[in-house]
């Protein structure tokens, strides 16, 4: 059983929802990223989503774009991201790690080379924003053969035909983008999210996480009442961005701790 499935099974038995924080690998630096991953688990993260820095992140808003720029200045590439996961795994063998990124770095290594290396380092799932689900069968086969989950995005405008296509291929969980636009957008409409999730559950048996637009404990709590998981990215990256290096771990810890308390309340 995969770590992702085992995590959701345990949460379901305990009537709890998953908290999935997103941080960018290498922001503010490689060592701090590893420390942050451990601290996120300490304060209640169930799954860690680790962003792979990329120079042209089309799905991400300015906050996450800036985090990628900071990481790239430290020469953080896909191989170094995998090194971060491997280092994290020396102490933590239970918390799932999902990589989120774009196709170009994977294409540079090759599907098979990346999949084998990622599995060796302890990656559990991979979400590639710009792999069209209708055109990535070879990629999906490499991921499957290396016992990782292919995570897919769905949005408010995803047509039914694509939903059906993804439903046959998705593993781990579905990442539902609650807003039209890029990461960091505002104006989360909970009524629309509720209606959309009801429709999606008729297609998917795996858990559904909701991200984009979750910026505080109140919205995290509200989304947790509708979804199986709450994904928080831009607001967490903003906390890193505004903190000094010495403050980063403490400030991120306090923020995520409050999210966990809200979701469990």
Protein backbone atom coordinates (compact mmCIF):
# COMPACT_ATOMS: atom_id res chain seq x y z
CA UNK A 1 0.00 0.00 0.00
CA UNK A 2 1.33 3.45 -0.89
CA UNK A 3 2.10 5.97 1.82
CA UNK A 4 -0.51 8.32 0.35
CA UNK A 5 -3.29 5.74 0.50
CA UNK A 6 -2.24 4.61 3.97
CA UNK A 7 -2.32 8.20 5.20
CA UNK A 8 -5.80 8.87 3.87
CA UNK A 9 -7.08 5.52 5.18
CA UNK A 10 -5.84 6.37 8.68
CA UNK A 11 -7.33 9.85 8.54
CA UNK A 12 -10.67 8.50 7.38
CA UNK A 13 -10.79 5.97 10.23
CA UNK A 14 -10.20 8.82 12.66
CA UNK A 15 -12.70 11.15 10.96
CA UNK A 16 -9.99 13.68 10.17
CA UNK A 17 -9.01 15.64 7.08
CA UNK A 18 -5.57 15.88 5.52
CA UNK A 19 -3.48 19.03 5.72
CA UNK A 20 -1.13 19.34 2.73
CA UNK A 21 1.25 22.31 2.90
CA UNK A 22 3.21 23.34 -0.19
CA UNK A 23 6.73 24.71 0.00
CA UNK A 24 9.26 25.33 -2.74
CA UNK A 25 12.40 23.20 -2.60
CA UNK A 26 15.38 25.46 -2.00
CA UNK A 27 13.45 28.45 -0.67
CA UNK A 28 15.04 30.03 1.29
CA UNK A 29 17.81 27.41 0.88
CA UNK A 30 18.33 23.66 0.64
CA UNK A 31 19.11 23.03 4.32
CA UNK A 32 16.20 25.12 5.57
CA UNK A 33 13.85 23.26 3.23
CA UNK A 34 14.71 19.97 4.94
CA UNK A 35 14.24 21.53 8.38
CA UNK A 36 10.92 22.99 7.26
CA UNK A 37 9.70 19.60 6.03
CA UNK A 38 10.36 18.04 9.41
CA UNK A 39 8.74 20.96 11.24
CA UNK A 40 5.66 20.79 9.02
CA UNK A 41 5.19 17.18 10.08
CA UNK A 42 5.75 18.10 13.72
CA UNK A 43 2.91 20.63 13.64
CA UNK A 44 0.38 18.49 11.79
CA UNK A 45 1.09 18.15 8.08
CA UNK A 46 -0.15 14.82 6.71
CA UNK A 47 1.41 15.06 3.24
CA UNK A 48 4.10 17.47 2.03
CA UNK A 49 3.86 18.97 -1.43
CA UNK A 50 7.29 20.05 -2.61
CA UNK A 51 7.55 22.48 -5.49
CA UNK A 52 10.23 21.88 -8.12
CA UNK A 53 11.62 25.31 -9.10
CA UNK A 54 11.04 26.21 -12.73
CA UNK A 55 11.71 29.35 -14.74
CA UNK A 56 8.28 29.53 -16.40
CA UNK A 57 5.66 28.35 -13.89
CA UNK A 58 2.50 29.02 -15.89
CA UNK A 59 0.03 27.85 -13.24
CA UNK A 60 1.56 29.82 -10.40
CA UNK A 61 0.96 33.38 -9.29
CA UNK A 62 3.61 35.96 -8.35
CA UNK A 63 4.21 34.70 -4.80
CA UNK A 64 5.21 31.19 -5.84
CA UNK A 65 6.98 32.55 -8.93
CA UNK A 66 9.23 34.59 -6.65
CA UNK A 67 9.95 31.52 -4.51
CA UNK A 68 11.08 29.66 -7.64
CA UNK A 69 13.32 32.58 -8.56
CA UNK A 70 14.91 32.55 -5.11
CA UNK A 71 15.50 28.79 -5.30
CA UNK A 72 16.94 28.98 -8.81
CA UNK A 73 19.44 31.56 -7.61
CA UNK A 74 20.69 28.83 -5.25
CA UNK A 75 21.03 26.53 -8.29
CA UNK A 76 18.26 24.23 -7.08
CA UNK A 77 17.44 21.83 -9.90
CA UNK A 78 15.44 18.61 -10.05
CA UNK A 79 18.37 16.47 -8.89
CA UNK A 80 18.83 18.67 -5.82
CA UNK A 81 15.11 18.45 -5.10
CA UNK A 82 15.44 14.67 -5.07
CA UNK A 83 18.45 15.00 -2.76
CA UNK A 84 16.27 17.02 -0.38
CA UNK A 85 13.66 14.23 -0.33
CA UNK A 86 16.34 11.59 0.24
CA UNK A 87 17.75 13.57 3.17
CA UNK A 88 14.26 13.99 4.65
CA UNK A 89 13.73 10.22 4.36
CA UNK A 90 16.74 9.50 6.58
CA UNK A 91 14.58 10.52 9.55
CA UNK A 92 11.03 10.32 8.24
CA UNK A 93 9.89 7.18 6.45
CA UNK A 94 6.15 7.65 6.92
CA UNK A 95 5.02 11.05 5.66
CA UNK A 96 4.13 11.10 1.95
CA UNK A 97 5.99 13.55 -0.27
CA UNK A 98 4.45 14.74 -3.54
CA UNK A 99 6.49 16.68 -6.09
CA UNK A 100 4.68 19.41 -8.00
CA UNK A 101 6.27 20.90 -11.06
CA UNK A 102 6.51 21.18 -14.81
CA UNK A 103 7.48 18.92 -17.67
CA UNK A 104 10.79 20.41 -18.81
CA UNK A 105 13.01 19.25 -15.92
CA UNK A 106 11.60 15.72 -16.17
CA UNK A 107 12.01 15.68 -19.94
CA UNK A 108 15.69 16.61 -19.49
CA UNK A 109 16.25 13.47 -17.38
CA UNK A 110 13.76 11.23 -19.17
CA UNK A 111 10.64 9.52 -17.83
CA UNK A 112 12.36 6.33 -16.80
CA UNK A 113 15.45 7.94 -15.32
CA UNK A 114 13.41 10.37 -13.29
CA UNK A 115 10.90 7.77 -12.08
CA UNK A 116 13.56 5.34 -10.90
CA UNK A 117 15.55 8.07 -9.15
CA UNK A 118 12.46 9.64 -7.55
CA UNK A 119 11.33 6.32 -6.14
CA UNK A 120 14.81 5.60 -4.78
CA UNK A 121 14.77 8.95 -2.97
CA UNK A 122 11.36 8.35 -1.40
CA UNK A 123 8.93 10.32 -3.56
CA UNK A 124 5.34 9.06 -3.32
CA UNK A 125 3.49 11.08 -5.93
CA UNK A 126 4.14 13.47 -8.80
CA UNK A 127 1.93 16.24 -10.14
CA UNK A 128 3.11 17.63 -13.48
CA UNK A 129 1.05 20.68 -14.37
CA UNK A 130 1.66 20.63 -18.13
CA UNK A 131 1.36 16.94 -18.98
CA UNK A 132 -2.03 16.67 -20.74
CA UNK A 133 -3.75 13.59 -19.27
CA UNK A 134 -4.80 12.50 -22.75
CA UNK A 135 -1.21 12.48 -24.03
CA UNK A 136 0.99 11.10 -21.26
CA UNK A 137 0.49 7.34 -21.25
CA UNK A 138 4.23 6.60 -21.37
CA UNK A 139 4.82 8.92 -18.40
CA UNK A 140 1.99 7.34 -16.42
CA UNK A 141 3.36 3.86 -17.08
CA UNK A 142 6.82 4.84 -15.79
CA UNK A 143 5.29 6.32 -12.64
CA UNK A 144 3.11 3.25 -12.09
CA UNK A 145 5.99 0.80 -12.60
CA UNK A 146 7.94 2.66 -9.92
CA UNK A 147 5.06 2.51 -7.43
CA UNK A 148 4.35 6.24 -7.35
CA UNK A 149 1.01 7.98 -7.72
CA UNK A 150 0.23 10.28 -10.63
CA UNK A 151 -1.67 13.24 -9.17
CA UNK A 152 -3.94 15.27 -11.45
CA UNK A 153 -5.35 18.77 -11.29
CA UNK A 154 -9.02 19.50 -11.93
CA UNK A 155 -10.51 22.97 -12.19
CA UNK A 156 -13.97 24.56 -12.21
CA UNK A 157 -13.86 24.48 -16.02
CA UNK A 158 -12.59 20.93 -16.60
CA UNK A 159 -14.97 19.32 -19.14
CA UNK A 160 -16.71 16.04 -18.39
CA UNK A 161 -14.78 14.11 -21.04
CA UNK A 162 -11.46 15.02 -19.41
CA UNK A 163 -12.81 14.22 -15.94
CA UNK A 164 -13.75 10.75 -17.16
CA UNK A 165 -10.32 10.31 -18.72
CA UNK A 166 -8.53 11.34 -15.51
CA UNK A 167 -10.80 9.15 -13.37
CA UNK A 168 -9.36 6.07 -15.10
CA UNK A 169 -5.76 7.10 -14.43
CA UNK A 170 -5.51 9.15 -11.24
CA UNK A 171 -3.96 7.65 -8.11
CA UNK A 172 -3.40 8.95 -4.61
CA UNK A 173 -5.74 11.92 -4.60
CA UNK A 174 -7.23 14.53 -6.89
CA UNK A 175 -6.10 18.14 -6.54
CA UNK A 176 -9.12 20.34 -7.20
CA UNK A 177 -8.21 23.92 -8.08
CA UNK A 178 -11.01 25.87 -6.45
CA UNK A 179 -10.55 29.05 -8.48
CA UNK A 180 -10.14 30.16 -12.05
CA UNK A 181 -6.67 31.64 -12.33
CA UNK A 182 -3.23 31.04 -10.87
CA UNK A 183 -2.06 30.18 -7.37
CA UNK A 184 -2.54 32.99 -4.90
CA UNK A 185 -5.86 34.09 -6.36
CA UNK A 186 -8.60 35.22 -4.01
CA UNK A 187 -12.42 35.16 -3.88
CA UNK A 188 -12.99 31.56 -2.88
CA UNK A 189 -16.66 30.67 -3.40
CA UNK A 190 -17.43 27.83 -1.00
CA UNK A 191 -20.87 27.20 -2.44
CA UNK A 192 -19.38 26.60 -5.88
CA UNK A 193 -16.70 24.34 -4.38
CA UNK A 194 -19.35 22.30 -2.56
CA UNK A 195 -21.41 21.80 -5.71
CA UNK A 196 -18.39 20.91 -7.81
CA UNK A 197 -17.08 18.37 -5.31
CA UNK A 198 -20.45 16.68 -5.21
CA UNK A 199 -20.23 16.20 -8.97
CA UNK A 200 -16.62 15.03 -8.90
CA UNK A 201 -17.34 12.40 -6.26
CA UNK A 202 -19.59 10.64 -8.73
CA UNK A 203 -16.46 9.99 -10.83
CA UNK A 204 -13.74 9.44 -8.22
CA UNK A 205 -13.34 7.01 -5.36
CA UNK A 206 -9.95 8.44 -4.33
CA UNK A 207 -9.77 11.45 -1.98
CA UNK A 208 -10.19 14.98 -3.28
CA UNK A 209 -8.03 17.81 -1.97
CA UNK A 210 -8.82 21.47 -2.53
CA UNK A 211 -6.23 24.19 -3.05
CA UNK A 212 -5.88 27.79 -4.33
CA UNK A 213 -7.53 30.56 -2.33
CA UNK A 214 -6.96 29.10 1.15
CA UNK A 215 -5.24 31.88 3.03
CA UNK A 216 -6.08 31.51 6.73
CA UNK A 217 -7.50 29.23 9.40
CA UNK A 218 -11.08 30.24 8.63
CA UNK A 219 -10.93 29.27 4.96
CA UNK A 220 -8.96 26.12 5.82
CA UNK A 221 -11.65 25.05 8.27
CA UNK A 222 -14.44 25.78 5.78
CA UNK A 223 -12.76 23.82 2.99
CA UNK A 224 -12.02 20.89 5.33
CA UNK A 225 -15.75 20.51 5.90
CA UNK A 226 -16.20 19.90 2.16
CA UNK A 227 -13.03 18.15 0.97
CA UNK A 228 -10.83 15.27 2.05
CA UNK A 229 -7.72 17.45 2.13
CA UNK A 230 -6.76 21.10 2.40
CA UNK A 231 -3.81 22.28 0.31
CA UNK A 232 -2.13 25.54 1.33
CA UNK A 233 0.61 27.02 -0.85
CA UNK A 234 0.87 30.72 -1.65
CA UNK A 235 -0.05 31.90 1.84
CA UNK A 236 2.62 29.62 3.31
CA UNK A 237 5.23 30.81 0.80
CA UNK A 238 4.32 34.39 1.71
CA UNK A 239 5.14 33.57 5.33
CA UNK A 240 8.57 32.35 4.23
CA UNK A 241 9.09 35.37 2.01
CA UNK A 242 8.41 37.94 4.72
CA UNK A 243 10.45 36.15 7.41
CA UNK A 244 14.14 36.53 8.11
CA UNK A 245 16.14 33.32 7.81
CA UNK A 246 16.20 33.04 11.59
CA UNK A 247 12.41 33.50 11.84
CA UNK A 248 11.37 31.26 8.95
CA UNK A 249 10.89 27.94 10.75
CA UNK A 250 9.18 29.52 13.77
CA UNK A 251 6.77 31.60 11.68
CA UNK A 252 5.88 28.75 9.31
CA UNK A 253 5.43 26.44 12.28
CA UNK A 254 3.02 28.81 14.02
CA UNK A 255 1.01 29.36 10.85
CA UNK A 256 0.61 25.66 10.02
CA UNK A 257 -0.10 24.78 13.65
CA UNK A 258 -3.05 27.18 13.59
CA UNK A 259 -4.32 25.62 10.36
CA UNK A 260 -4.17 22.17 11.95
CA UNK A 261 -6.08 23.34 15.02
CA UNK A 262 -8.75 24.94 12.85
CA UNK A 263 -9.19 21.91 10.61
CA UNK A 264 -9.47 19.57 13.60
CA UNK A 265 -11.83 21.79 15.58
